[in-house]
Amino acid sequence: MEGTLKSPGILHRYNAKLVAFEHTRDGPPPQNTLLFVPGLTDGLLTVPYAQSLAAAIPSSFSFVEILLSSAYSGWGTSSISQDVDEMAQCVGYFKSLRPKGKIVLMGCSTGCQDVLGYCSFEGSRPLVDGAILQSPVSDREAFDTFFKPEEYDKHNKLAQQMVKEGRAEEMLPNHVSLPILGARCTARRWLSLTSPGPEHAGEDDMFSSDLDDRRFQLTFGVAGKRGVALMILYSGNDESVPAKVDKEVLVTRMTKAFVDAGGKLGNRSGILPGASHTVKEVGSIREDLHERVTDFLRSVERGEVGET
């Protein structure tokens, strides 16, 4: 197991049933907060780089892992919208705790959908100063690597039939998601993740390479208009991305939708060479992640994101 078996910190209860874990270090308490949102099946301290990044970021920032009700196996009955609502409560909690500080959201994997949803969905939420998307990949395209085409199509048709029958919140059979994703899943959440065509209307479907520019304008473009600073860190060797996806082209399209809408992009945003989906690698690849996040946080703190 990477890292230590324990990590010093403070457990905050940001609503009646949910908590956030703040990694602590020696020295004066920081005024700024990096709120970290992991992806499907993950929770506190399960993302490989969480502890090392917590130690690497500027001392003026605290690294806080948010535990959502969708953590671990909870994703199968949850949604991005529910995650965003819970994140808003957590952001509000830390804003009240540190009213003069900056808050940056960072998502890993499906945590990126949560973070981009927070910055682009309709509704009123506490403002944040920055957002980091680490491994913003398409679940729909990733599932292409998990299932045979005929199997994938069969599962989608079953979920669609359940929804038509008014059974959207019922669980799909165990063999659909449990062996691959480690949890049972409702028909509704399955279709949100797999987002079948031709509409590809799933709420989770934000990063697929075949989405048109209009779809990116509704997410990245809206985030850009709202003034949040952004950094994209797309893993160069992401094992969940099919070989057909041109990562450079995809990141360029996402970036263009954001910048064209007036968004301020981190100077080191882009491909993270050699990195796997959750940056399991140690050494120079992990250090690259640390340095990029650190530089972005310092720029947010100074109000200089996008300036050269």
Protein backbone atom coordinates (compact mmCIF):
# COMPACT_ATOMS: atom_id res chain seq x y z
CA MET A 1 0.00 0.00 0.00
CA GLU A 2 1.35 3.40 -0.97
CA GLY A 3 1.84 5.98 1.76
CA THR A 4 1.33 5.60 5.46
CA LEU A 5 -1.55 3.79 7.09
CA LYS A 6 -2.58 6.89 8.95
CA SER A 7 -2.80 10.57 8.16
CA PRO A 8 -3.09 13.38 10.72
CA GLY A 9 -5.98 15.71 10.25
CA ILE A 10 -9.32 17.12 11.27
CA LEU A 11 -12.65 15.51 10.45
CA HIS A 12 -15.25 18.19 9.70
CA ARG A 13 -18.98 17.45 9.65
CA TYR A 14 -20.36 19.75 6.99
CA ASN A 15 -23.92 18.48 7.21
CA ALA A 16 -25.85 16.09 9.44
CA LYS A 17 -24.46 12.93 7.86
CA LEU A 18 -21.46 13.87 5.71
CA VAL A 19 -17.88 14.74 6.56
CA ALA A 20 -14.72 16.16 5.02
CA PHE A 21 -11.18 15.24 6.06
CA GLU A 22 -8.64 18.05 6.31
CA HIS A 23 -4.99 16.98 6.14
CA THR A 24 -2.99 18.96 8.70
CA ARG A 25 0.66 20.03 8.77
CA ASP A 26 2.92 21.86 11.19
CA GLY A 27 2.73 25.63 11.16
CA PRO A 28 -0.02 28.25 11.29
CA PRO A 29 -3.46 27.24 10.01
CA PRO A 30 -3.93 28.03 6.31
CA GLN A 31 -6.54 30.51 5.14
CA ASN A 32 -7.20 28.89 1.76
CA THR A 33 -8.74 25.51 0.95
CA LEU A 34 -8.31 22.95 -1.83
CA LEU A 35 -11.43 20.78 -1.75
CA PHE A 36 -10.78 17.41 -3.37
CA VAL A 37 -13.53 15.27 -4.94
CA PRO A 38 -12.59 11.67 -5.89
CA GLY A 39 -14.23 9.55 -8.57
CA LEU A 40 -16.43 6.45 -8.74
CA THR A 41 -15.69 3.84 -6.02
CA ASP A 42 -13.21 6.13 -4.22
CA GLY A 43 -13.45 7.82 -0.84
CA LEU A 44 -11.18 9.20 1.85
CA LEU A 45 -7.45 8.49 1.30
CA THR A 46 -8.07 6.05 -1.57
CA VAL A 47 -6.73 8.12 -4.48
CA PRO A 48 -3.02 7.23 -4.80
CA TYR A 49 -1.67 10.79 -4.80
CA ALA A 50 -3.94 12.30 -2.13
CA GLN A 51 -1.47 12.20 0.74
CA SER A 52 1.55 13.29 -1.28
CA LEU A 53 -0.35 16.19 -2.87
CA ALA A 54 -1.62 17.27 0.55
CA ALA A 55 1.99 17.59 1.67
CA ALA A 56 3.18 19.29 -1.53
CA ILE A 57 0.74 22.19 -1.97
CA PRO A 58 1.56 25.67 -0.61
CA SER A 59 1.34 26.03 3.15
CA SER A 60 -1.26 28.76 2.63
CA PHE A 61 -3.67 26.05 1.37
CA SER A 62 -5.22 23.16 3.24
CA PHE A 63 -6.01 19.92 1.38
CA VAL A 64 -9.51 18.69 2.24
CA GLU A 65 -11.09 15.49 0.92
CA ILE A 66 -14.87 15.69 0.61
CA LEU A 67 -16.85 12.58 1.45
CA LEU A 68 -20.07 12.59 -0.58
CA SER A 69 -22.96 10.16 -0.26
CA SER A 70 -21.85 8.80 -3.66
CA ALA A 71 -18.46 7.69 -2.26
CA TYR A 72 -17.33 4.07 -2.36
CA SER A 73 -20.35 2.05 -3.57
CA GLY A 74 -22.83 4.91 -3.15
CA TRP A 75 -22.39 6.14 -6.73
CA GLY A 76 -24.84 3.53 -8.03
CA THR A 77 -27.85 5.32 -6.54
CA SER A 78 -26.55 8.89 -6.67
CA SER A 79 -26.14 11.53 -9.40
CA ILE A 80 -23.92 14.44 -10.39
CA SER A 81 -26.69 16.84 -9.35
CA GLN A 82 -26.85 15.31 -5.88
CA ASP A 83 -23.06 15.50 -5.60
CA VAL A 84 -23.14 19.17 -6.58
CA ASP A 85 -25.77 19.94 -3.94
CA GLU A 86 -23.65 18.25 -1.26
CA MET A 87 -20.50 20.00 -2.47
CA ALA A 88 -22.31 23.33 -2.14
CA GLN A 89 -22.93 22.57 1.52
CA CYS A 90 -19.25 21.72 2.00
CA VAL A 91 -18.07 24.88 0.21
CA GLY A 92 -20.45 26.94 2.34
CA TYR A 93 -19.09 25.33 5.49
CA PHE A 94 -15.48 26.18 4.66
CA LYS A 95 -16.40 29.67 3.51
CA SER A 96 -17.92 30.31 6.93
CA LEU A 97 -14.88 28.76 8.60
CA ARG A 98 -12.39 30.82 6.55
CA PRO A 99 -14.32 33.84 5.24
CA LYS A 100 -11.22 35.63 3.90
CA GLY A 101 -9.73 32.62 2.15
CA LYS A 102 -9.80 31.27 -1.39
CA ILE A 103 -11.50 27.99 -2.27
CA VAL A 104 -10.44 25.78 -5.18
CA LEU A 105 -12.22 22.58 -6.21
CA MET A 106 -10.24 19.64 -7.58
CA GLY A 107 -11.84 16.56 -9.11
CA CYS A 108 -10.29 13.22 -9.98
CA SER A 109 -12.03 11.08 -12.62
CA THR A 110 -15.82 11.38 -12.09
CA GLY A 111 -14.98 14.03 -9.51
CA CYS A 112 -14.27 16.17 -12.58
CA GLN A 113 -17.91 15.91 -13.66
CA ASP A 114 -18.85 17.00 -10.15
CA VAL A 115 -16.50 19.98 -10.24
CA LEU A 116 -17.53 21.09 -13.75
CA GLY A 117 -21.18 20.59 -12.80
CA TYR A 118 -20.64 22.79 -9.76
CA CYS A 119 -19.22 25.51 -11.99
CA SER A 120 -21.80 25.25 -14.79
CA PHE A 121 -25.15 23.82 -13.62
CA GLU A 122 -28.12 26.12 -13.12
CA GLY A 123 -28.92 27.22 -9.59
CA SER A 124 -27.33 29.27 -6.82
CA ARG A 125 -24.25 27.94 -5.04
CA PRO A 126 -21.38 29.50 -3.06
CA LEU A 127 -18.76 30.80 -5.48
CA VAL A 128 -15.33 29.20 -5.76
CA ASP A 129 -12.12 30.78 -6.99
CA GLY A 130 -10.72 27.96 -9.07
CA ALA A 131 -11.26 24.45 -10.41
CA ILE A 132 -8.86 21.65 -11.34
CA LEU A 133 -9.94 18.70 -13.51
CA GLN A 134 -7.56 15.74 -13.17
CA SER A 135 -8.45 12.93 -15.60
CA PRO A 136 -11.68 14.41 -17.01
CA VAL A 137 -12.57 11.32 -19.04
CA SER A 138 -15.77 9.99 -20.57
CA ASP A 139 -17.45 7.13 -18.69
CA ARG A 140 -19.29 6.27 -21.91
CA GLU A 141 -16.03 5.84 -23.80
CA ALA A 142 -14.32 4.16 -20.84
CA PHE A 143 -17.09 1.55 -20.72
CA ASP A 144 -16.17 0.67 -24.31
CA THR A 145 -12.96 -0.75 -22.84
CA PHE A 146 -14.80 -2.66 -20.08
CA PHE A 147 -17.49 -4.49 -22.08
CA LYS A 148 -17.83 -6.28 -25.38
CA PRO A 149 -20.01 -4.24 -27.82
CA GLU A 150 -22.92 -6.69 -27.82
CA GLU A 151 -22.81 -6.92 -24.01
CA TYR A 152 -22.71 -3.13 -23.63
CA ASP A 153 -25.68 -2.71 -25.98
CA LYS A 154 -27.65 -5.38 -24.13
CA HIS A 155 -27.11 -3.65 -20.77
CA ASN A 156 -28.15 -0.27 -22.22
CA LYS A 157 -31.34 -1.69 -23.70
CA LEU A 158 -32.25 -3.34 -20.40
CA ALA A 159 -31.76 -0.06 -18.52
CA GLN A 160 -33.79 1.86 -21.13
CA GLN A 161 -36.63 -0.64 -20.87
CA MET A 162 -36.67 -0.33 -17.07
CA VAL A 163 -36.90 3.45 -17.35
CA LYS A 164 -39.79 3.18 -19.83
CA GLU A 165 -41.58 0.93 -17.35
CA GLY A 166 -41.20 3.49 -14.55
CA ARG A 167 -38.46 1.51 -12.81
CA ALA A 168 -35.63 4.02 -13.19
CA GLU A 169 -34.66 3.81 -9.51
CA GLU A 170 -34.59 0.02 -9.42
CA MET A 171 -31.27 -1.80 -9.46
CA LEU A 172 -29.96 -3.49 -12.58
CA PRO A 173 -29.05 -7.17 -12.17
CA ASN A 174 -25.80 -7.81 -10.31
CA HIS A 175 -23.94 -9.02 -13.40
CA VAL A 176 -24.25 -5.64 -15.14
CA SER A 177 -22.12 -3.36 -12.96
CA LEU A 178 -21.00 -5.31 -9.90
CA PRO A 179 -18.14 -7.34 -11.47
CA ILE A 180 -16.56 -4.33 -13.22
CA LEU A 181 -17.41 -1.38 -11.00
CA GLY A 182 -17.84 -3.02 -7.60
CA ALA A 183 -21.37 -1.80 -6.89
CA ARG A 184 -24.94 -2.26 -7.97
CA CYS A 185 -26.43 0.52 -10.03
CA THR A 186 -29.89 1.91 -10.79
CA ALA A 187 -31.13 2.00 -14.35
CA ARG A 188 -31.13 5.80 -14.17
CA ARG A 189 -27.48 6.12 -13.10
CA TRP A 190 -26.38 3.50 -15.61
CA LEU A 191 -27.90 5.51 -18.47
CA SER A 192 -26.41 8.70 -17.10
CA LEU A 193 -22.97 7.11 -17.28
CA THR A 194 -23.33 5.23 -20.57
CA SER A 195 -25.38 7.99 -22.24
CA PRO A 196 -26.62 6.01 -25.27
CA GLY A 197 -26.99 7.67 -28.66
CA PRO A 198 -28.11 9.36 -30.67
CA GLU A 199 -28.78 12.06 -28.05
CA HIS A 200 -26.00 11.14 -25.61
CA ALA A 201 -28.03 13.00 -23.00
CA GLY A 202 -26.58 11.47 -19.82
CA GLU A 203 -25.83 13.96 -17.06
CA ASP A 204 -22.40 12.35 -16.59
CA ASP A 205 -21.53 12.70 -20.28
CA MET A 206 -19.40 15.86 -20.26
CA PHE A 207 -16.06 14.76 -21.70
CA SER A 208 -16.76 12.39 -24.60
CA SER A 209 -14.63 13.07 -27.66
CA ASP A 210 -17.62 12.91 -30.03
CA LEU A 211 -19.64 15.64 -28.31
CA ASP A 212 -20.11 18.71 -30.48
CA ASP A 213 -18.82 22.17 -29.58
CA ARG A 214 -22.27 23.24 -28.38
CA ARG A 215 -22.16 20.64 -25.61
CA PHE A 216 -18.79 21.91 -24.41
CA GLN A 217 -20.12 25.46 -24.48
CA LEU A 218 -22.90 24.39 -22.08
CA THR A 219 -20.34 23.18 -19.54
CA PHE A 220 -16.88 24.66 -20.09
CA GLY A 221 -18.34 27.76 -21.71
CA VAL A 222 -20.72 28.45 -18.84
CA ALA A 223 -17.90 27.93 -16.33
CA GLY A 224 -15.79 30.41 -18.28
CA LYS A 225 -18.53 33.03 -18.17
CA ARG A 226 -18.87 32.65 -14.41
CA GLY A 227 -15.29 33.73 -13.79
CA VAL A 228 -13.86 30.58 -12.24
CA ALA A 229 -10.18 29.92 -13.00
CA LEU A 230 -9.55 26.49 -14.51
CA MET A 231 -6.75 23.97 -15.00
CA ILE A 232 -7.18 20.73 -16.95
CA LEU A 233 -4.74 17.87 -16.25
CA TYR A 234 -5.47 15.06 -18.70
CA SER A 235 -3.36 11.96 -18.06
CA GLY A 236 -1.21 11.09 -21.06
CA ASN A 237 -1.34 7.32 -20.43
CA ASP A 238 -4.89 7.12 -19.06
CA GLU A 239 -5.87 3.46 -19.25
CA SER A 240 -9.58 4.29 -19.25
CA VAL A 241 -9.36 6.30 -22.50
CA PRO A 242 -9.76 4.31 -25.75
CA ALA A 243 -6.91 4.50 -28.24
CA LYS A 244 -9.22 6.19 -30.78
CA VAL A 245 -9.42 9.34 -28.62
CA ASP A 246 -6.94 12.07 -29.56
CA LYS A 247 -6.22 13.54 -26.13
CA GLU A 248 -4.51 16.66 -27.45
CA VAL A 249 -7.42 17.51 -29.73
CA LEU A 250 -9.97 16.85 -26.99
CA VAL A 251 -8.20 19.02 -24.42
CA THR A 252 -7.83 21.77 -27.01
CA ARG A 253 -11.59 21.72 -27.69
CA MET A 254 -12.44 21.83 -23.98
CA THR A 255 -9.99 24.66 -23.45
CA LYS A 256 -11.30 26.65 -26.41
CA ALA A 257 -14.89 26.48 -25.15
CA PHE A 258 -13.72 27.80 -21.78
CA VAL A 259 -11.37 30.53 -22.99
CA ASP A 260 -13.70 31.75 -25.77
CA ALA A 261 -16.30 32.42 -23.06
CA GLY A 262 -13.86 34.61 -21.15
CA GLY A 263 -12.46 31.99 -18.78
CA LYS A 264 -8.99 32.27 -17.23
CA LEU A 265 -6.93 29.14 -17.86
CA GLY A 266 -3.96 27.98 -15.81
CA ASN A 267 -0.67 28.35 -17.68
CA ARG A 268 0.28 24.69 -17.16
CA SER A 269 -3.08 23.24 -18.12
CA GLY A 270 -2.92 20.33 -20.57
CA ILE A 271 -1.65 16.78 -20.92
CA LEU A 272 0.22 15.21 -17.98
CA PRO A 273 2.79 13.08 -19.86
CA GLY A 274 3.17 9.46 -18.75
CA ALA A 275 0.44 9.63 -16.13
CA SER A 276 -2.15 6.91 -15.57
CA HIS A 277 -5.78 7.66 -14.73
CA THR A 278 -5.20 8.36 -11.03
CA VAL A 279 -1.47 9.10 -11.35
CA LYS A 280 -0.36 5.91 -9.62
CA GLU A 281 3.21 6.60 -10.72
CA VAL A 282 5.72 8.00 -8.25
CA GLY A 283 8.80 10.01 -9.09
CA SER A 284 8.89 12.63 -11.84
CA ILE A 285 5.34 12.04 -13.09
CA ARG A 286 3.83 12.52 -9.63
CA GLU A 287 6.09 15.50 -9.04
CA ASP A 288 4.82 17.05 -12.28
CA LEU A 289 1.28 16.81 -10.91
CA HIS A 290 2.36 18.37 -7.61
CA GLU A 291 4.16 21.24 -9.33
CA ARG A 292 1.31 22.07 -11.70
CA VAL A 293 -1.28 22.09 -8.92
CA THR A 294 1.02 24.14 -6.69
CA ASP A 295 1.65 26.74 -9.41
CA PHE A 296 -2.07 27.01 -10.13
CA LEU A 297 -2.95 27.48 -6.46
CA ARG A 298 -0.35 30.22 -6.10
CA SER A 299 -1.76 31.96 -9.18
CA VAL A 300 -5.30 31.75 -7.79
CA GLU A 301 -4.11 33.14 -4.48
CA ARG A 302 -2.47 36.10 -6.23
CA GLY A 303 -5.34 36.58 -8.68
CA GLU A 304 -2.98 36.03 -11.62
CA VAL A 305 -4.37 32.95 -13.38
CA GLY A 306 -3.80 33.13 -17.12
CA GLU A 307 -1.19 35.86 -16.87
CA THR A 308 2.29 35.14 -18.25
